[in-house]
Amino acid sequence: MSISDYYKNLRAKIGNELIFMPGVAGIIRNEQREILFGRKHNESTWGLIAGAIEIGETPAQAMIREALEETGLVIQPEKIIGVYGG
């Protein structure tokens, strides 16, 4: 999925100014404890399944949505490992 209408409208109003965009990234494991990695938009590097938190979503809801959108998997988040900013 591309950027949401909310972020498109915000970007249209403020141009290239820096915006705060909360996001999630998940460590998704299978029964063998292997970690799932993905590539977005035909990028050459692999990474965790991740994306922006939309208005009204909790981090868990955002992670469930991103996993479904990017992999087709329905996941159940177990815990938050950390919250980071910078």
C-alpha atoms as a PDB file:
ATOM      1  CA  MET A   1       0.000   0.000   0.000  1.00  0.00           C
ATOM      2  CA  SER A   2       1.247   3.485  -0.702  1.00  0.00           C
ATOM      3  CA  ILE A   3       1.222   6.434   1.667  1.00  0.00           C
ATOM      4  CA  SER A   4      -2.169   7.124   3.270  1.00  0.00           C
ATOM      5  CA  ASP A   5      -4.388  10.058   2.358  1.00  0.00           C
ATOM      6  CA  TYR A   6      -3.655  11.584   5.764  1.00  0.00           C
ATOM      7  CA  TYR A   7       0.086  11.726   5.094  1.00  0.00           C
ATOM      8  CA  LYS A   8      -0.458  12.820   1.475  1.00  0.00           C
ATOM      9  CA  ASN A   9      -2.599  15.756   2.667  1.00  0.00           C
ATOM     10  CA  LEU A  10      -0.110  16.638   5.394  1.00  0.00           C
ATOM     11  CA  ARG A  11       2.776  16.530   2.924  1.00  0.00           C
ATOM     12  CA  ALA A  12       0.841  18.755   0.487  1.00  0.00           C
ATOM     13  CA  LYS A  13       0.404  21.358   3.231  1.00  0.00           C
ATOM     14  CA  ILE A  14       3.953  21.439   4.581  1.00  0.00           C
ATOM     15  CA  GLY A  15       6.011  20.489   1.538  1.00  0.00           C
ATOM     16  CA  ASN A  16       9.401  18.970   2.301  1.00  0.00           C
ATOM     17  CA  GLU A  17       9.427  20.017   5.971  1.00  0.00           C
ATOM     18  CA  LEU A  18      10.311  17.307   8.467  1.00  0.00           C
ATOM     19  CA  ILE A  19       7.242  15.585   9.922  1.00  0.00           C
ATOM     20  CA  PHE A  20       6.839  13.218  12.838  1.00  0.00           C
ATOM     21  CA  MET A  21       5.644   9.911  11.387  1.00  0.00           C
ATOM     22  CA  PRO A  22       5.303   7.133  13.964  1.00  0.00           C
ATOM     23  CA  GLY A  23       5.914   3.661  12.651  1.00  0.00           C
ATOM     24  CA  VAL A  24       6.205   0.016  13.583  1.00  0.00           C
ATOM     25  CA  ALA A  25       8.555  -2.821  12.717  1.00  0.00           C
ATOM     26  CA  GLY A  26       7.930  -6.409  13.685  1.00  0.00           C
ATOM     27  CA  ILE A  27      10.046  -9.463  14.333  1.00  0.00           C
ATOM     28  CA  ILE A  28       7.774 -12.128  12.871  1.00  0.00           C
ATOM     29  CA  ARG A  29       8.860 -15.698  13.605  1.00  0.00           C
ATOM     30  CA  ASN A  30       7.653 -19.047  12.308  1.00  0.00           C
ATOM     31  CA  GLU A  31       7.364 -22.266  14.311  1.00  0.00           C
ATOM     32  CA  GLN A  32      11.096 -22.927  13.800  1.00  0.00           C
ATOM     33  CA  ARG A  33      11.842 -19.455  15.291  1.00  0.00           C
ATOM     34  CA  GLU A  34      13.159 -18.190  11.929  1.00  0.00           C
ATOM     35  CA  ILE A  35      12.639 -14.454  11.322  1.00  0.00           C
ATOM     36  CA  LEU A  36      10.642 -13.257   8.323  1.00  0.00           C
ATOM     37  CA  PHE A  37      12.294 -10.547   6.213  1.00  0.00           C
ATOM     38  CA  GLY A  38      10.797  -8.742   3.246  1.00  0.00           C
ATOM     39  CA  ARG A  39      11.740  -6.334   0.476  1.00  0.00           C
ATOM     40  CA  LYS A  40       9.608  -3.325  -0.391  1.00  0.00           C
ATOM     41  CA  HIS A  41       9.071  -2.013  -3.898  1.00  0.00           C
ATOM     42  CA  ASN A  42      11.711  -4.263  -5.469  1.00  0.00           C
ATOM     43  CA  GLU A  43      14.500  -2.898  -3.242  1.00  0.00           C
ATOM     44  CA  SER A  44      17.668  -4.960  -3.148  1.00  0.00           C
ATOM     45  CA  THR A  45      17.960  -5.055   0.652  1.00  0.00           C
ATOM     46  CA  TRP A  46      15.899  -7.169   3.012  1.00  0.00           C
ATOM     47  CA  GLY A  47      14.391  -5.861   6.243  1.00  0.00           C
ATOM     48  CA  LEU A  48      11.761  -6.344   8.896  1.00  0.00           C
ATOM     49  CA  ILE A  49       8.111  -5.969   8.010  1.00  0.00           C
ATOM     50  CA  ALA A  50       7.326  -2.354   8.874  1.00  0.00           C
ATOM     51  CA  GLY A  51       5.285   0.729   8.096  1.00  0.00           C
ATOM     52  CA  ALA A  52       3.566   3.868   9.359  1.00  0.00           C
ATOM     53  CA  ILE A  53       0.986   3.987  12.131  1.00  0.00           C
ATOM     54  CA  GLU A  54      -2.224   5.464  10.746  1.00  0.00           C
ATOM     55  CA  ILE A  55      -4.494   7.889  12.597  1.00  0.00           C
ATOM     56  CA  GLY A  56      -6.552   6.031  15.209  1.00  0.00           C
ATOM     57  CA  GLU A  57      -4.419   2.860  15.183  1.00  0.00           C
ATOM     58  CA  THR A  58      -2.554   1.368  18.090  1.00  0.00           C
ATOM     59  CA  PRO A  59       0.966   0.081  17.354  1.00  0.00           C
ATOM     60  CA  ALA A  60      -0.367  -3.497  17.524  1.00  0.00           C
ATOM     61  CA  GLN A  61      -3.142  -2.725  15.026  1.00  0.00           C
ATOM     62  CA  ALA A  62      -0.625  -1.074  12.700  1.00  0.00           C
ATOM     63  CA  MET A  63       1.672  -4.101  12.856  1.00  0.00           C
ATOM     64  CA  ILE A  64      -1.211  -6.480  12.109  1.00  0.00           C
ATOM     65  CA  ARG A  65      -2.237  -4.340   9.105  1.00  0.00           C
ATOM     66  CA  GLU A  66       1.316  -3.986   7.777  1.00  0.00           C
ATOM     67  CA  ALA A  67       1.965  -7.736   8.047  1.00  0.00           C
ATOM     68  CA  LEU A  68      -1.255  -8.483   6.174  1.00  0.00           C
ATOM     69  CA  GLU A  69      -0.551  -5.872   3.471  1.00  0.00           C
ATOM     70  CA  GLU A  70       3.065  -6.874   2.925  1.00  0.00           C
ATOM     71  CA  THR A  71       2.914 -10.650   3.379  1.00  0.00           C
ATOM     72  CA  GLY A  72      -0.719 -11.789   3.449  1.00  0.00           C
ATOM     73  CA  LEU A  73      -0.115 -13.201   6.938  1.00  0.00           C
ATOM     74  CA  VAL A  74      -2.459 -12.666   9.868  1.00  0.00           C
ATOM     75  CA  ILE A  75      -0.302 -12.165  12.951  1.00  0.00           C
ATOM     76  CA  GLN A  76      -0.899 -11.681  16.664  1.00  0.00           C
ATOM     77  CA  PRO A  77       1.591  -9.266  18.286  1.00  0.00           C
ATOM     78  CA  GLU A  78       2.882 -10.558  21.617  1.00  0.00           C
ATOM     79  CA  LYS A  79       4.815  -7.645  23.088  1.00  0.00           C
ATOM     80  CA  ILE A  80       6.496  -4.339  22.444  1.00  0.00           C
ATOM     81  CA  ILE A  81      10.276  -4.676  22.591  1.00  0.00           C
ATOM     82  CA  GLY A  82      11.047  -0.967  22.547  1.00  0.00           C
ATOM     83  CA  VAL A  83       9.994   2.548  21.681  1.00  0.00           C
ATOM     84  CA  TYR A  84      12.582   4.729  19.966  1.00  0.00           C
ATOM     85  CA  GLY A  85      12.808   8.315  18.781  1.00  0.00           C
ATOM     86  CA  GLY A  86      15.499  10.659  17.738  1.00  0.00           C
END
